Amino acid sequence: MRSNSRWAMNRRNLALMACLVASAAVTTTSGLAQEPPPTANFDANPRSGWVPLTVRFTDQSTGNISSWDWNFDDGSTHSSEQNPSHTYNIPGDRTVSLTVSGPGGSSSKNLLIHPFSTQWWFRADFTANPTSGTAPLSVQFTNQSSGLFSGGDWNFGDGLGHSAELNPLHTFPRNLT
């Protein structure tokens, strides 16, 4: 008996084709449709702080994941843990990258971390001369702030405006209580 029939079935990304040819010989081929790559996603806590700064990374990726590759952008060894912690000892912005891989491929996500040190900050300080007197009183303010800063805003507390000068002279037209 000679027969020549073909059939196909799609179920859950499985394609099965069979061909039945004379004398009951059967040939089958099967293959899985391409699985989509996982989607990389993560959070970090904290995202900024004083060095040494220990950051806890939490994987929030989705899809079929078989491996994690964390690059902390500070010259250290990568991590393959799902939820690693990492300590930054040197200040400076770091772009952390997570690459997740699975049967369907891989994807990556970046997140900026801000480890900083006291030398990047400043301490506001000033002197005033004179410190008392009768209105109208002109007072010379001298900025004695330390650290890195690019400017400031002087508020004299009398409702008459502000100054962005480094060492402003301000006249108080009336006595303040």
N, C-alpha and C. Protein backbone atom coordinates (compact mmCIF):
# COMPACT_ATOMS: atom_id res chain seq x y z
N MET A 1 0.85 -1.16 0.00
CA MET A 1 0.00 0.00 0.00
C MET A 1 0.90 1.23 0.00
N ARG A 2 0.64 2.09 -0.92
CA ARG A 2 1.42 3.32 -1.02
C ARG A 2 0.58 4.47 -0.48
N SER A 3 1.20 5.26 0.38
CA SER A 3 0.51 6.46 0.84
C SER A 3 1.53 7.59 0.94
N ASN A 4 1.07 8.76 0.79
CA ASN A 4 1.92 9.93 0.87
C ASN A 4 1.12 11.00 1.61
N SER A 5 1.36 11.13 2.90
CA SER A 5 0.61 12.12 3.67
C SER A 5 1.57 13.01 4.45
N ARG A 6 1.14 14.21 4.70
CA ARG A 6 1.93 15.18 5.46
C ARG A 6 1.01 15.83 6.50
N TRP A 7 1.58 16.12 7.64
CA TRP A 7 0.82 16.84 8.66
C TRP A 7 1.76 17.72 9.48
N ALA A 8 1.21 18.76 10.10
CA ALA A 8 1.99 19.69 10.92
C ALA A 8 1.20 20.04 12.16
N MET A 9 1.91 20.27 13.25
CA MET A 9 1.26 20.62 14.50
C MET A 9 2.08 21.73 15.18
N ASN A 10 1.43 22.78 15.60
CA ASN A 10 2.07 23.84 16.37
C ASN A 10 1.45 23.87 17.75
N ARG A 11 2.25 23.67 18.75
CA ARG A 11 1.75 23.73 20.10
C ARG A 11 2.90 24.15 21.00
N ARG A 12 2.73 25.29 21.71
CA ARG A 12 3.76 25.79 22.60
C ARG A 12 5.11 25.91 21.91
N ASN A 13 5.10 26.57 20.80
CA ASN A 13 6.32 26.84 20.03
C ASN A 13 7.00 25.58 19.51
N LEU A 14 6.29 24.48 19.48
CA LEU A 14 6.87 23.24 18.98
C LEU A 14 6.27 22.96 17.62
N ALA A 15 7.14 22.87 16.64
CA ALA A 15 6.67 22.57 15.29
C ALA A 15 7.14 21.17 14.95
N LEU A 16 6.22 20.32 14.64
CA LEU A 16 6.56 18.95 14.32
C LEU A 16 5.98 18.63 12.96
N MET A 17 6.84 18.19 12.11
CA MET A 17 6.37 17.82 10.78
C MET A 17 6.77 16.38 10.54
N ALA A 18 5.87 15.66 10.00
CA ALA A 18 6.17 14.27 9.68
C ALA A 18 5.72 13.99 8.26
N CYS A 19 6.45 13.17 7.67
CA CYS A 19 6.13 12.79 6.30
C CYS A 19 6.11 11.27 6.25
N LEU A 20 4.98 10.72 5.89
CA LEU A 20 4.84 9.28 5.78
C LEU A 20 4.89 8.93 4.31
N VAL A 21 5.84 8.11 3.96
CA VAL A 21 6.03 7.73 2.57
C VAL A 21 5.88 6.22 2.47
N ALA A 22 5.77 5.72 1.29
CA ALA A 22 5.52 4.29 1.02
C ALA A 22 6.30 3.36 1.93
N SER A 23 5.83 2.19 2.14
CA SER A 23 6.40 1.11 2.94
C SER A 23 6.53 1.48 4.41
N ALA A 24 5.77 2.38 4.92
CA ALA A 24 5.73 2.75 6.32
C ALA A 24 7.02 3.36 6.82
N ALA A 25 7.84 3.94 5.96
CA ALA A 25 9.04 4.66 6.40
C ALA A 25 8.61 6.04 6.89
N VAL A 26 9.11 6.46 8.04
CA VAL A 26 8.71 7.73 8.64
C VAL A 26 9.96 8.59 8.85
N THR A 27 9.87 9.84 8.46
CA THR A 27 10.93 10.81 8.71
C THR A 27 10.32 11.96 9.49
N THR A 28 10.93 12.35 10.59
CA THR A 28 10.41 13.46 11.38
C THR A 28 11.51 14.49 11.59
N THR A 29 11.09 15.73 11.68
CA THR A 29 12.00 16.81 12.06
C THR A 29 11.28 17.64 13.10
N SER A 30 11.97 18.09 14.06
CA SER A 30 11.35 18.96 15.06
C SER A 30 12.34 20.04 15.43
N GLY A 31 11.82 21.17 15.87
CA GLY A 31 12.67 22.27 16.31
C GLY A 31 11.84 23.23 17.14
N LEU A 32 12.47 23.87 18.08
CA LEU A 32 11.78 24.86 18.89
C LEU A 32 11.89 26.22 18.22
N ALA A 33 10.81 26.95 18.25
CA ALA A 33 10.85 28.32 17.75
C ALA A 33 11.80 29.12 18.63
N GLN A 34 12.42 30.15 18.09
CA GLN A 34 13.40 30.95 18.83
C GLN A 34 12.75 31.58 20.06
N GLU A 35 13.32 31.32 21.20
CA GLU A 35 12.86 31.89 22.46
C GLU A 35 13.36 33.33 22.55
N PRO A 36 12.55 34.27 23.06
CA PRO A 36 13.03 35.66 23.18
C PRO A 36 14.12 35.76 24.24
N PRO A 37 15.01 36.74 24.10
CA PRO A 37 16.05 36.90 25.12
C PRO A 37 15.44 37.41 26.42
N PRO A 38 16.11 37.18 27.54
CA PRO A 38 15.63 37.75 28.80
C PRO A 38 15.78 39.27 28.76
N THR A 39 15.07 39.95 29.64
CA THR A 39 15.14 41.41 29.74
C THR A 39 15.86 41.78 31.03
N ALA A 40 17.02 42.43 30.90
CA ALA A 40 17.81 42.83 32.07
C ALA A 40 17.16 44.01 32.77
N ASN A 41 17.12 43.94 34.10
CA ASN A 41 16.62 45.04 34.91
C ASN A 41 17.14 44.84 36.33
N PHE A 42 17.48 45.92 37.01
CA PHE A 42 17.93 45.80 38.40
C PHE A 42 17.80 47.13 39.11
N ASP A 43 17.91 47.06 40.44
CA ASP A 43 17.90 48.25 41.28
C ASP A 43 19.13 48.19 42.18
N ALA A 44 19.50 49.34 42.73
CA ALA A 44 20.65 49.43 43.62
C ALA A 44 20.28 50.26 44.83
N ASN A 45 20.80 49.86 46.00
CA ASN A 45 20.50 50.58 47.23
C ASN A 45 21.72 50.55 48.14
N PRO A 46 22.25 51.72 48.50
CA PRO A 46 21.92 53.06 48.01
C PRO A 46 22.58 53.32 46.66
N ARG A 47 22.14 54.38 45.99
CA ARG A 47 22.73 54.75 44.70
C ARG A 47 23.82 55.80 44.85
N SER A 48 23.92 56.39 46.03
CA SER A 48 24.97 57.37 46.29
C SER A 48 25.31 57.37 47.77
N GLY A 49 26.51 57.86 48.08
CA GLY A 49 26.93 57.93 49.48
C GLY A 49 28.43 58.07 49.60
N TRP A 50 28.87 58.20 50.86
CA TRP A 50 30.28 58.38 51.17
C TRP A 50 31.05 57.08 50.96
N VAL A 51 32.30 57.21 50.47
CA VAL A 51 33.16 56.03 50.36
C VAL A 51 33.73 55.72 51.74
N PRO A 52 33.93 54.48 52.14
CA PRO A 52 33.57 53.30 51.35
C PRO A 52 32.05 53.13 51.30
N LEU A 53 31.53 52.92 50.09
CA LEU A 53 30.08 52.80 49.86
C LEU A 53 29.77 51.37 49.45
N THR A 54 28.99 50.67 50.28
CA THR A 54 28.56 49.31 49.95
C THR A 54 27.16 49.38 49.36
N VAL A 55 27.03 48.88 48.13
CA VAL A 55 25.77 48.93 47.39
C VAL A 55 25.24 47.51 47.23
N ARG A 56 23.95 47.33 47.52
CA ARG A 56 23.28 46.04 47.31
C ARG A 56 22.52 46.12 45.99
N PHE A 57 22.82 45.21 45.08
CA PHE A 57 22.17 45.18 43.77
C PHE A 57 21.11 44.08 43.79
N THR A 58 19.91 44.42 43.31
CA THR A 58 18.80 43.48 43.29
C THR A 58 18.38 43.24 41.85
N ASP A 59 18.54 42.01 41.40
CA ASP A 59 18.15 41.62 40.04
C ASP A 59 16.63 41.65 39.93
N GLN A 60 16.11 42.31 38.90
CA GLN A 60 14.67 42.35 38.62
C GLN A 60 14.41 41.94 37.17
N SER A 61 15.34 41.19 36.61
CA SER A 61 15.25 40.77 35.21
C SER A 61 14.13 39.75 35.03
N THR A 62 13.64 39.67 33.80
CA THR A 62 12.57 38.72 33.48
C THR A 62 13.00 37.84 32.31
N GLY A 63 12.34 36.69 32.21
CA GLY A 63 12.62 35.76 31.13
C GLY A 63 13.41 34.57 31.64
N ASN A 64 13.80 33.72 30.71
CA ASN A 64 14.55 32.51 31.03
C ASN A 64 16.03 32.88 31.13
N ILE A 65 16.55 32.94 32.37
CA ILE A 65 17.91 33.42 32.62
C ILE A 65 18.77 32.27 33.14
N SER A 66 19.92 32.11 32.52
CA SER A 66 20.85 31.08 32.97
C SER A 66 22.13 31.66 33.57
N SER A 67 22.41 32.96 33.32
CA SER A 67 23.62 33.55 33.92
C SER A 67 23.47 35.06 34.06
N TRP A 68 24.20 35.60 35.04
CA TRP A 68 24.25 37.02 35.34
C TRP A 68 25.70 37.46 35.27
N ASP A 69 25.96 38.63 34.69
CA ASP A 69 27.31 39.19 34.65
C ASP A 69 27.23 40.65 35.06
N TRP A 70 27.77 40.95 36.24
CA TRP A 70 27.77 42.30 36.79
C TRP A 70 29.14 42.93 36.58
N ASN A 71 29.16 44.14 35.98
CA ASN A 71 30.39 44.92 35.83
C ASN A 71 30.20 46.18 36.67
N PHE A 72 31.02 46.35 37.71
CA PHE A 72 30.85 47.44 38.66
C PHE A 72 31.59 48.72 38.26
N ASP A 73 32.30 48.71 37.13
CA ASP A 73 32.95 49.88 36.54
C ASP A 73 34.01 50.51 37.44
N ASP A 74 34.70 49.67 38.21
CA ASP A 74 35.78 50.20 39.04
C ASP A 74 37.06 49.36 38.93
N GLY A 75 37.14 48.55 37.88
CA GLY A 75 38.32 47.73 37.68
C GLY A 75 38.34 46.45 38.47
N SER A 76 37.30 46.19 39.23
CA SER A 76 37.24 44.97 40.04
C SER A 76 36.76 43.79 39.19
N THR A 77 36.85 42.61 39.75
CA THR A 77 36.38 41.40 39.09
C THR A 77 34.86 41.45 38.94
N HIS A 78 34.34 40.95 37.83
CA HIS A 78 32.90 40.87 37.63
C HIS A 78 32.31 39.87 38.62
N SER A 79 31.00 39.96 38.82
CA SER A 79 30.29 39.01 39.67
C SER A 79 29.27 38.25 38.84
N SER A 80 29.09 36.96 39.15
CA SER A 80 28.07 36.15 38.48
C SER A 80 26.92 35.83 39.43
N GLU A 81 26.92 36.46 40.62
CA GLU A 81 25.81 36.26 41.56
C GLU A 81 24.55 36.92 41.02
N GLN A 82 23.40 36.43 41.45
CA GLN A 82 22.15 37.04 41.01
C GLN A 82 21.93 38.38 41.71
N ASN A 83 22.21 38.47 43.00
CA ASN A 83 21.99 39.68 43.79
C ASN A 83 23.25 40.01 44.60
N PRO A 84 24.27 40.58 43.96
CA PRO A 84 25.53 40.83 44.68
C PRO A 84 25.50 42.13 45.47
N SER A 85 26.47 42.27 46.35
CA SER A 85 26.80 43.54 47.00
C SER A 85 28.21 43.89 46.55
N HIS A 86 28.48 45.20 46.48
CA HIS A 86 29.81 45.64 46.05
C HIS A 86 30.18 46.89 46.82
N THR A 87 31.44 46.99 47.24
CA THR A 87 31.92 48.15 47.98
C THR A 87 32.83 48.99 47.09
N TYR A 88 32.50 50.29 47.00
CA TYR A 88 33.31 51.26 46.26
C TYR A 88 34.19 51.99 47.27
N ASN A 89 35.50 51.99 47.03
CA ASN A 89 36.45 52.64 47.93
C ASN A 89 37.02 53.93 47.36
N ILE A 90 36.77 54.19 46.09
CA ILE A 90 37.29 55.38 45.43
C ILE A 90 36.10 56.19 44.91
N PRO A 91 36.07 57.50 45.19
CA PRO A 91 34.95 58.32 44.73
C PRO A 91 34.94 58.48 43.21
N GLY A 92 33.78 58.79 42.69
CA GLY A 92 33.61 59.03 41.26
C GLY A 92 32.43 58.24 40.73
N ASP A 93 31.70 58.83 39.80
CA ASP A 93 30.52 58.16 39.23
C ASP A 93 30.92 56.86 38.56
N ARG A 94 30.09 55.84 38.73
CA ARG A 94 30.32 54.52 38.15
C ARG A 94 29.06 54.08 37.42
N THR A 95 29.24 53.56 36.20
CA THR A 95 28.12 53.01 35.43
C THR A 95 28.15 51.50 35.59
N VAL A 96 27.24 50.99 36.42
CA VAL A 96 27.15 49.55 36.67
C VAL A 96 26.34 48.92 35.55
N SER A 97 26.81 47.78 35.06
CA SER A 97 26.14 47.09 33.96
C SER A 97 25.80 45.67 34.39
N LEU A 98 24.56 45.27 34.12
CA LEU A 98 24.13 43.88 34.32
C LEU A 98 23.80 43.31 32.95
N THR A 99 24.41 42.18 32.62
CA THR A 99 24.07 41.44 31.40
C THR A 99 23.51 40.10 31.84
N VAL A 100 22.28 39.81 31.41
CA VAL A 100 21.66 38.51 31.68
C VAL A 100 21.61 37.73 30.38
N SER A 101 21.85 36.42 30.49
CA SER A 101 21.87 35.56 29.31
C SER A 101 20.98 34.36 29.57
N GLY A 102 20.41 33.86 28.47
CA GLY A 102 19.57 32.67 28.53
C GLY A 102 19.56 32.01 27.17
N PRO A 103 18.73 30.97 27.00
CA PRO A 103 18.68 30.25 25.73
C PRO A 103 18.33 31.14 24.54
N GLY A 104 17.56 32.21 24.78
CA GLY A 104 17.14 33.09 23.70
C GLY A 104 18.10 34.22 23.39
N GLY A 105 19.18 34.36 24.15
CA GLY A 105 20.13 35.44 23.91
C GLY A 105 20.47 36.16 25.20
N SER A 106 20.82 37.43 25.07
CA SER A 106 21.19 38.21 26.25
C SER A 106 20.73 39.65 26.10
N SER A 107 20.68 40.35 27.22
CA SER A 107 20.38 41.79 27.21
C SER A 107 21.10 42.42 28.40
N SER A 108 21.26 43.75 28.33
CA SER A 108 22.01 44.47 29.36
C SER A 108 21.25 45.70 29.80
N LYS A 109 21.56 46.14 31.02
CA LYS A 109 21.02 47.41 31.54
C LYS A 109 22.13 48.08 32.33
N ASN A 110 22.19 49.42 32.26
CA ASN A 110 23.17 50.22 33.00
C ASN A 110 22.46 51.07 34.04
N LEU A 111 23.18 51.38 35.13
CA LEU A 111 22.66 52.24 36.18
C LEU A 111 23.83 53.01 36.77
N LEU A 112 23.64 54.31 37.02
CA LEU A 112 24.71 55.16 37.54
C LEU A 112 24.73 55.13 39.06
N ILE A 113 25.92 54.93 39.64
CA ILE A 113 26.14 54.93 41.08
C ILE A 113 27.09 56.09 41.39
N HIS A 114 26.85 56.79 42.52
CA HIS A 114 27.62 58.00 42.85
C HIS A 114 28.35 57.86 44.19
N PRO A 115 29.50 57.18 44.24
CA PRO A 115 30.30 57.20 45.47
C PRO A 115 31.04 58.54 45.57
N PHE A 116 30.99 59.19 46.74
CA PHE A 116 31.69 60.46 46.87
C PHE A 116 32.45 60.52 48.18
N SER A 117 33.35 61.50 48.28
CA SER A 117 34.14 61.68 49.49
C SER A 117 34.00 63.10 49.98
N THR A 118 34.48 63.35 51.18
CA THR A 118 34.35 64.68 51.77
C THR A 118 35.08 65.74 50.97
N GLN A 119 36.13 65.38 50.25
CA GLN A 119 36.86 66.39 49.49
C GLN A 119 36.04 66.94 48.33
N TRP A 120 34.96 66.29 47.99
CA TRP A 120 34.11 66.78 46.91
C TRP A 120 33.03 67.71 47.43
N TRP A 121 32.92 67.82 48.73
CA TRP A 121 31.86 68.63 49.32
C TRP A 121 32.47 69.87 49.94
N PHE A 122 31.65 70.71 50.49
CA PHE A 122 32.13 71.94 51.06
C PHE A 122 31.46 72.20 52.40
N ARG A 123 32.05 73.12 53.14
CA ARG A 123 31.49 73.57 54.41
C ARG A 123 31.24 75.06 54.28
N ALA A 124 30.00 75.46 54.48
CA ALA A 124 29.65 76.87 54.38
C ALA A 124 30.05 77.59 55.67
N ASP A 125 30.72 78.74 55.51
CA ASP A 125 31.15 79.54 56.66
C ASP A 125 31.40 80.96 56.17
N PHE A 126 31.22 81.95 57.07
CA PHE A 126 31.48 83.33 56.70
C PHE A 126 31.71 84.16 57.96
N THR A 127 32.23 85.36 57.75
CA THR A 127 32.32 86.35 58.82
C THR A 127 31.56 87.59 58.38
N ALA A 128 31.16 88.39 59.36
CA ALA A 128 30.45 89.65 59.09
C ALA A 128 31.13 90.75 59.89
N ASN A 129 31.26 91.94 59.26
CA ASN A 129 31.89 93.06 59.94
C ASN A 129 31.21 94.35 59.52
N PRO A 130 30.63 95.08 60.44
CA PRO A 130 30.47 94.81 61.86
C PRO A 130 29.34 93.82 62.11
N THR A 131 29.28 93.32 63.33
CA THR A 131 28.23 92.36 63.68
C THR A 131 27.07 93.01 64.41
N SER A 132 27.18 94.29 64.74
CA SER A 132 26.07 95.00 65.37
C SER A 132 26.22 96.49 65.07
N GLY A 133 25.14 97.23 65.28
CA GLY A 133 25.15 98.66 65.03
C GLY A 133 23.74 99.17 64.84
N THR A 134 23.63 100.45 64.50
CA THR A 134 22.35 101.10 64.31
C THR A 134 22.06 101.23 62.83
N ALA A 135 20.78 101.03 62.45
CA ALA A 135 20.37 101.13 61.06
C ALA A 135 20.40 102.59 60.62
N PRO A 136 20.69 102.83 59.36
CA PRO A 136 21.09 101.85 58.34
C PRO A 136 22.52 101.38 58.60
N LEU A 137 22.71 100.07 58.55
CA LEU A 137 24.00 99.46 58.89
C LEU A 137 24.53 98.70 57.68
N SER A 138 25.71 99.10 57.20
CA SER A 138 26.36 98.39 56.10
C SER A 138 27.28 97.33 56.69
N VAL A 139 27.11 96.09 56.22
CA VAL A 139 27.88 94.96 56.74
C VAL A 139 28.61 94.29 55.58
N GLN A 140 29.91 94.09 55.77
CA GLN A 140 30.71 93.36 54.78
C GLN A 140 30.72 91.89 55.19
N PHE A 141 30.23 91.03 54.30
CA PHE A 141 30.25 89.58 54.54
C PHE A 141 31.43 88.99 53.77
N THR A 142 32.21 88.15 54.46
CA THR A 142 33.37 87.51 53.85
C THR A 142 33.17 86.00 53.85
N ASN A 143 33.17 85.44 52.67
CA ASN A 143 32.98 83.99 52.51
C ASN A 143 34.23 83.27 53.00
N GLN A 144 34.06 82.34 53.93
CA GLN A 144 35.17 81.52 54.42
C GLN A 144 34.85 80.04 54.25
N SER A 145 34.02 79.74 53.27
CA SER A 145 33.64 78.35 53.00
C SER A 145 34.85 77.57 52.50
N SER A 146 34.84 76.28 52.75
CA SER A 146 35.94 75.43 52.29
C SER A 146 35.39 74.29 51.45
N GLY A 147 36.24 73.73 50.62
CA GLY A 147 35.83 72.64 49.74
C GLY A 147 35.53 73.16 48.35
N LEU A 148 35.00 72.28 47.54
CA LEU A 148 34.69 72.63 46.15
C LEU A 148 33.25 73.14 46.06
N PHE A 149 33.11 74.36 45.62
CA PHE A 149 31.78 74.90 45.36
C PHE A 149 31.91 75.91 44.24
N SER A 150 30.81 76.13 43.55
CA SER A 150 30.85 77.01 42.39
C SER A 150 30.15 78.34 42.64
N GLY A 151 29.53 78.51 43.76
CA GLY A 151 28.84 79.75 44.04
C GLY A 151 27.86 79.55 45.18
N GLY A 152 27.17 80.60 45.51
CA GLY A 152 26.23 80.50 46.60
C GLY A 152 25.15 81.55 46.46
N ASP A 153 24.27 81.57 47.44
CA ASP A 153 23.17 82.53 47.47
C ASP A 153 23.08 83.08 48.89
N TRP A 154 23.37 84.36 49.02
CA TRP A 154 23.29 85.01 50.32
C TRP A 154 21.86 85.49 50.52
N ASN A 155 21.26 85.11 51.64
CA ASN A 155 19.95 85.60 52.05
C ASN A 155 20.17 86.32 53.37
N PHE A 156 19.94 87.63 53.39
CA PHE A 156 20.28 88.45 54.54
C PHE A 156 19.19 88.50 55.59
N GLY A 157 18.05 87.89 55.33
CA GLY A 157 16.99 87.79 56.33
C GLY A 157 16.17 89.04 56.53
N ASP A 158 16.35 90.04 55.67
CA ASP A 158 15.58 91.28 55.84
C ASP A 158 14.54 91.47 54.75
N GLY A 159 14.35 90.46 53.90
CA GLY A 159 13.34 90.53 52.85
C GLY A 159 13.71 91.43 51.70
N LEU A 160 14.94 91.90 51.62
CA LEU A 160 15.34 92.84 50.58
C LEU A 160 16.16 92.19 49.47
N GLY A 161 16.02 90.92 49.29
CA GLY A 161 16.70 90.28 48.17
C GLY A 161 17.85 89.40 48.61
N HIS A 162 18.53 88.92 47.60
CA HIS A 162 19.63 87.97 47.76
C HIS A 162 20.84 88.51 47.01
N SER A 163 21.99 87.87 47.26
CA SER A 163 23.20 88.22 46.52
C SER A 163 23.93 86.94 46.13
N ALA A 164 24.49 86.94 44.92
CA ALA A 164 25.30 85.82 44.45
C ALA A 164 26.78 86.17 44.47
N GLU A 165 27.14 87.35 44.98
CA GLU A 165 28.54 87.75 45.07
C GLU A 165 29.27 86.86 46.06
N LEU A 166 30.57 86.71 45.87
CA LEU A 166 31.36 85.88 46.77
C LEU A 166 31.47 86.53 48.16
N ASN A 167 31.73 87.85 48.20
CA ASN A 167 31.88 88.60 49.46
C ASN A 167 31.02 89.86 49.39
N PRO A 168 29.72 89.75 49.61
CA PRO A 168 28.84 90.90 49.39
C PRO A 168 28.88 91.92 50.53
N LEU A 169 28.57 93.16 50.16
CA LEU A 169 28.33 94.24 51.11
C LEU A 169 26.82 94.48 51.09
N HIS A 170 26.19 94.44 52.28
CA HIS A 170 24.74 94.61 52.34
C HIS A 170 24.42 95.67 53.39
N THR A 171 23.48 96.53 53.04
CA THR A 171 23.03 97.56 53.98
C THR A 171 21.65 97.19 54.50
N PHE A 172 21.56 97.10 55.83
CA PHE A 172 20.28 96.83 56.49
C PHE A 172 19.63 98.18 56.78
N PRO A 173 18.48 98.51 56.14
CA PRO A 173 17.88 99.83 56.29
C PRO A 173 17.17 100.04 57.63
N ARG A 174 16.86 98.98 58.32
CA ARG A 174 16.16 99.10 59.61
C ARG A 174 16.73 98.05 60.57
N ASN A 175 16.51 98.29 61.84
CA ASN A 175 16.99 97.35 62.85
C ASN A 175 16.20 96.05 62.76
N LEU A 176 16.90 94.96 62.90
CA LEU A 176 16.25 93.64 62.91
C LEU A 176 16.17 93.14 64.34
N THR A 177 15.09 92.47 64.65
CA THR A 177 14.94 91.93 66.01
C THR A 177 15.07 90.45 66.04
